[in-house]
Amino acid sequence: MNELMSSGVELMLIGMGIVYAFLAMLIIAIKSMSALVLRYFPDTSVNQHAGTHHGQDLGTIAAISAAVHQYRKKHSKQD
């Protein structure tokens, strides 16, 4: 029984070592790909958030704002 337990612990440690090594390689690969993309494709701004528009689509924003205002005015609760 003692030999069976030692084999089980050995197998567990080997499996955990393989998983740890794979995760370490995955982190290294992701960091290197990120560095390559930032180096060769620097045209995307890092400081710009996805939700910001910077005045590119003001007509659409104005139309949506007007529609929301009209809807709220039409469906307002009148006591």
N, C-alpha and C. Protein backbone atom coordinates (compact mmCIF):
# COMPACT_ATOMS: atom_id res chain seq x y z
N MET A 1 0.82 -1.20 0.00
CA MET A 1 0.00 0.00 0.00
C MET A 1 0.87 1.26 0.00
N ASN A 2 2.01 1.22 0.68
CA ASN A 2 2.91 2.35 0.75
C ASN A 2 3.48 2.68 -0.63
N GLU A 3 3.77 1.66 -1.41
CA GLU A 3 4.29 1.88 -2.77
C GLU A 3 3.23 2.50 -3.67
N LEU A 4 1.98 2.13 -3.48
CA LEU A 4 0.88 2.68 -4.26
C LEU A 4 0.69 4.16 -3.94
N MET A 5 0.79 4.53 -2.66
CA MET A 5 0.66 5.94 -2.28
C MET A 5 1.81 6.77 -2.84
N SER A 6 3.01 6.25 -2.78
CA SER A 6 4.15 7.00 -3.30
C SER A 6 4.04 7.17 -4.82
N SER A 7 3.53 6.18 -5.51
CA SER A 7 3.31 6.30 -6.96
C SER A 7 2.23 7.35 -7.25
N GLY A 8 1.20 7.37 -6.43
CA GLY A 8 0.13 8.36 -6.62
C GLY A 8 0.62 9.78 -6.38
N VAL A 9 1.41 9.97 -5.33
CA VAL A 9 1.96 11.30 -5.04
C VAL A 9 2.92 11.72 -6.14
N GLU A 10 3.72 10.80 -6.62
CA GLU A 10 4.66 11.10 -7.71
C GLU A 10 3.91 11.51 -8.97
N LEU A 11 2.85 10.79 -9.30
CA LEU A 11 2.04 11.12 -10.48
C LEU A 11 1.36 12.48 -10.31
N MET A 12 0.90 12.77 -9.09
CA MET A 12 0.27 14.06 -8.83
C MET A 12 1.28 15.19 -9.01
N LEU A 13 2.47 15.03 -8.49
CA LEU A 13 3.47 16.09 -8.60
C LEU A 13 3.92 16.29 -10.05
N ILE A 14 4.03 15.21 -10.80
CA ILE A 14 4.38 15.33 -12.22
C ILE A 14 3.28 16.06 -12.98
N GLY A 15 2.04 15.71 -12.71
CA GLY A 15 0.92 16.37 -13.38
C GLY A 15 0.84 17.85 -13.04
N MET A 16 1.02 18.17 -11.77
CA MET A 16 0.99 19.59 -11.37
C MET A 16 2.16 20.35 -11.97
N GLY A 17 3.31 19.72 -12.10
CA GLY A 17 4.47 20.35 -12.73
C GLY A 17 4.23 20.63 -14.19
N ILE A 18 3.60 19.69 -14.88
CA ILE A 18 3.30 19.89 -16.30
C ILE A 18 2.31 21.04 -16.48
N VAL A 19 1.28 21.09 -15.64
CA VAL A 19 0.29 22.18 -15.73
C VAL A 19 0.96 23.51 -15.45
N TYR A 20 1.80 23.59 -14.42
CA TYR A 20 2.50 24.82 -14.09
C TYR A 20 3.41 25.25 -15.24
N ALA A 21 4.13 24.33 -15.84
CA ALA A 21 5.01 24.66 -16.96
C ALA A 21 4.20 25.16 -18.16
N PHE A 22 3.06 24.54 -18.43
CA PHE A 22 2.22 24.98 -19.55
C PHE A 22 1.70 26.38 -19.30
N LEU A 23 1.24 26.66 -18.08
CA LEU A 23 0.74 28.00 -17.78
C LEU A 23 1.84 29.05 -17.87
N ALA A 24 3.03 28.71 -17.43
CA ALA A 24 4.16 29.65 -17.54
C ALA A 24 4.48 29.94 -19.00
N MET A 25 4.49 28.89 -19.84
CA MET A 25 4.73 29.10 -21.27
C MET A 25 3.62 29.93 -21.91
N LEU A 26 2.39 29.72 -21.48
CA LEU A 26 1.27 30.49 -22.01
C LEU A 26 1.39 31.96 -21.65
N ILE A 27 1.79 32.27 -20.43
CA ILE A 27 1.97 33.66 -20.02
C ILE A 27 3.09 34.31 -20.82
N ILE A 28 4.18 33.59 -21.01
CA ILE A 28 5.31 34.13 -21.79
C ILE A 28 4.88 34.38 -23.24
N ALA A 29 4.12 33.46 -23.82
CA ALA A 29 3.67 33.62 -25.20
C ALA A 29 2.73 34.82 -25.33
N ILE A 30 1.83 34.99 -24.39
CA ILE A 30 0.88 36.11 -24.46
C ILE A 30 1.61 37.44 -24.31
N LYS A 31 2.55 37.52 -23.38
CA LYS A 31 3.29 38.77 -23.18
C LYS A 31 4.15 39.10 -24.40
N SER A 32 4.76 38.09 -25.01
CA SER A 32 5.58 38.36 -26.19
C SER A 32 4.73 38.77 -27.39
N MET A 33 3.58 38.15 -27.57
CA MET A 33 2.70 38.55 -28.66
C MET A 33 2.17 39.97 -28.44
N SER A 34 1.86 40.31 -27.21
CA SER A 34 1.41 41.66 -26.91
C SER A 34 2.50 42.68 -27.22
N ALA A 35 3.73 42.36 -26.86
CA ALA A 35 4.85 43.26 -27.15
C ALA A 35 5.05 43.41 -28.66
N LEU A 36 4.92 42.32 -29.40
CA LEU A 36 5.07 42.40 -30.85
C LEU A 36 3.97 43.24 -31.50
N VAL A 37 2.75 43.06 -31.05
CA VAL A 37 1.63 43.82 -31.62
C VAL A 37 1.80 45.30 -31.31
N LEU A 38 2.17 45.63 -30.08
CA LEU A 38 2.36 47.04 -29.73
C LEU A 38 3.56 47.65 -30.46
N ARG A 39 4.53 46.83 -30.80
CA ARG A 39 5.71 47.36 -31.48
C ARG A 39 5.45 47.60 -32.96
N TYR A 40 4.78 46.66 -33.64
CA TYR A 40 4.61 46.76 -35.08
C TYR A 40 3.29 47.40 -35.51
N PHE A 41 2.34 47.54 -34.62
CA PHE A 41 1.06 48.18 -34.94
C PHE A 41 0.73 49.23 -33.89
N PRO A 42 1.52 50.30 -33.83
CA PRO A 42 1.30 51.30 -32.78
C PRO A 42 0.22 52.32 -33.10
N ASP A 43 -0.50 52.17 -34.22
CA ASP A 43 -1.47 53.18 -34.63
C ASP A 43 -2.70 53.23 -33.74
N THR A 44 -3.02 52.18 -33.01
CA THR A 44 -4.17 52.23 -32.11
C THR A 44 -3.76 52.90 -30.82
N SER A 45 -4.57 53.85 -30.40
CA SER A 45 -4.26 54.62 -29.20
C SER A 45 -4.61 53.81 -27.96
N VAL A 46 -3.69 53.72 -27.04
CA VAL A 46 -3.91 52.97 -25.81
C VAL A 46 -4.78 53.78 -24.85
N ASN A 47 -4.67 55.09 -24.88
CA ASN A 47 -5.40 55.94 -23.94
C ASN A 47 -6.86 56.13 -24.32
N GLN A 48 -7.23 55.78 -25.52
CA GLN A 48 -8.59 55.98 -25.99
C GLN A 48 -9.45 54.80 -25.58
N HIS A 49 -10.56 55.07 -24.92
CA HIS A 49 -11.48 54.03 -24.49
C HIS A 49 -12.43 53.68 -25.63
N ALA A 50 -13.01 52.49 -25.55
CA ALA A 50 -13.91 52.05 -26.61
C ALA A 50 -15.19 52.88 -26.64
N GLY A 51 -15.60 53.42 -25.52
CA GLY A 51 -16.85 54.17 -25.45
C GLY A 51 -16.73 55.62 -25.87
N THR A 52 -15.55 56.14 -26.06
CA THR A 52 -15.41 57.54 -26.43
C THR A 52 -15.55 57.71 -27.93
N HIS A 53 -16.09 58.83 -28.33
CA HIS A 53 -16.34 59.06 -29.76
C HIS A 53 -15.54 60.22 -30.30
N HIS A 54 -15.20 61.19 -29.50
CA HIS A 54 -14.40 62.35 -29.89
C HIS A 54 -14.99 63.07 -31.10
N GLY A 55 -16.31 63.22 -31.12
CA GLY A 55 -16.95 64.04 -32.12
C GLY A 55 -17.05 63.42 -33.50
N GLN A 56 -16.86 62.15 -33.64
CA GLN A 56 -16.90 61.54 -34.96
C GLN A 56 -18.32 61.28 -35.43
N ASP A 57 -19.23 61.05 -34.50
CA ASP A 57 -20.58 60.65 -34.89
C ASP A 57 -21.62 61.49 -34.14
N LEU A 58 -21.48 62.80 -34.18
CA LEU A 58 -22.35 63.68 -33.42
C LEU A 58 -23.78 63.68 -33.95
N GLY A 59 -23.96 63.44 -35.23
CA GLY A 59 -25.31 63.41 -35.79
C GLY A 59 -26.13 62.26 -35.23
N THR A 60 -25.51 61.10 -35.11
CA THR A 60 -26.20 59.94 -34.55
C THR A 60 -26.51 60.17 -33.08
N ILE A 61 -25.58 60.75 -32.35
CA ILE A 61 -25.81 61.02 -30.93
C ILE A 61 -26.95 62.02 -30.75
N ALA A 62 -26.99 63.02 -31.59
CA ALA A 62 -28.06 64.01 -31.51
C ALA A 62 -29.41 63.38 -31.83
N ALA A 63 -29.45 62.50 -32.83
CA ALA A 63 -30.70 61.84 -33.19
C ALA A 63 -31.19 60.93 -32.06
N ILE A 64 -30.29 60.20 -31.44
CA ILE A 64 -30.68 59.31 -30.34
C ILE A 64 -31.14 60.13 -29.14
N SER A 65 -30.45 61.22 -28.85
CA SER A 65 -30.86 62.08 -27.74
C SER A 65 -32.24 62.67 -27.98
N ALA A 66 -32.50 63.11 -29.19
CA ALA A 66 -33.81 63.68 -29.50
C ALA A 66 -34.90 62.61 -29.39
N ALA A 67 -34.62 61.40 -29.84
CA ALA A 67 -35.61 60.33 -29.76
C ALA A 67 -35.91 59.95 -28.31
N VAL A 68 -34.89 59.90 -27.48
CA VAL A 68 -35.09 59.58 -26.07
C VAL A 68 -35.88 60.69 -25.39
N HIS A 69 -35.56 61.93 -25.70
CA HIS A 69 -36.29 63.06 -25.11
C HIS A 69 -37.76 63.03 -25.52
N GLN A 70 -38.00 62.76 -26.79
CA GLN A 70 -39.38 62.71 -27.28
C GLN A 70 -40.14 61.55 -26.64
N TYR A 71 -39.51 60.41 -26.47
CA TYR A 71 -40.14 59.25 -25.85
C TYR A 71 -40.49 59.55 -24.39
N ARG A 72 -39.55 60.14 -23.68
CA ARG A 72 -39.79 60.46 -22.27
C ARG A 72 -40.90 61.50 -22.12
N LYS A 73 -40.93 62.46 -23.04
CA LYS A 73 -41.97 63.48 -23.00
C LYS A 73 -43.34 62.88 -23.27
N LYS A 74 -43.40 61.94 -24.19
CA LYS A 74 -44.66 61.31 -24.57
C LYS A 74 -45.15 60.36 -23.49
N HIS A 75 -44.25 59.62 -22.86
CA HIS A 75 -44.63 58.59 -21.88
C HIS A 75 -44.41 59.02 -20.43
N SER A 76 -44.33 60.31 -20.19
CA SER A 76 -44.14 60.75 -18.80
C SER A 76 -45.43 60.54 -18.02
N LYS A 77 -45.27 60.25 -16.73
CA LYS A 77 -46.43 60.02 -15.86
C LYS A 77 -47.04 61.37 -15.50
N GLN A 78 -48.30 61.51 -15.77
CA GLN A 78 -49.00 62.73 -15.42
C GLN A 78 -49.99 62.40 -14.31
N ASP A 79 -49.72 62.99 -13.14
CA ASP A 79 -50.58 62.70 -11.99
C ASP A 79 -51.76 63.64 -11.89
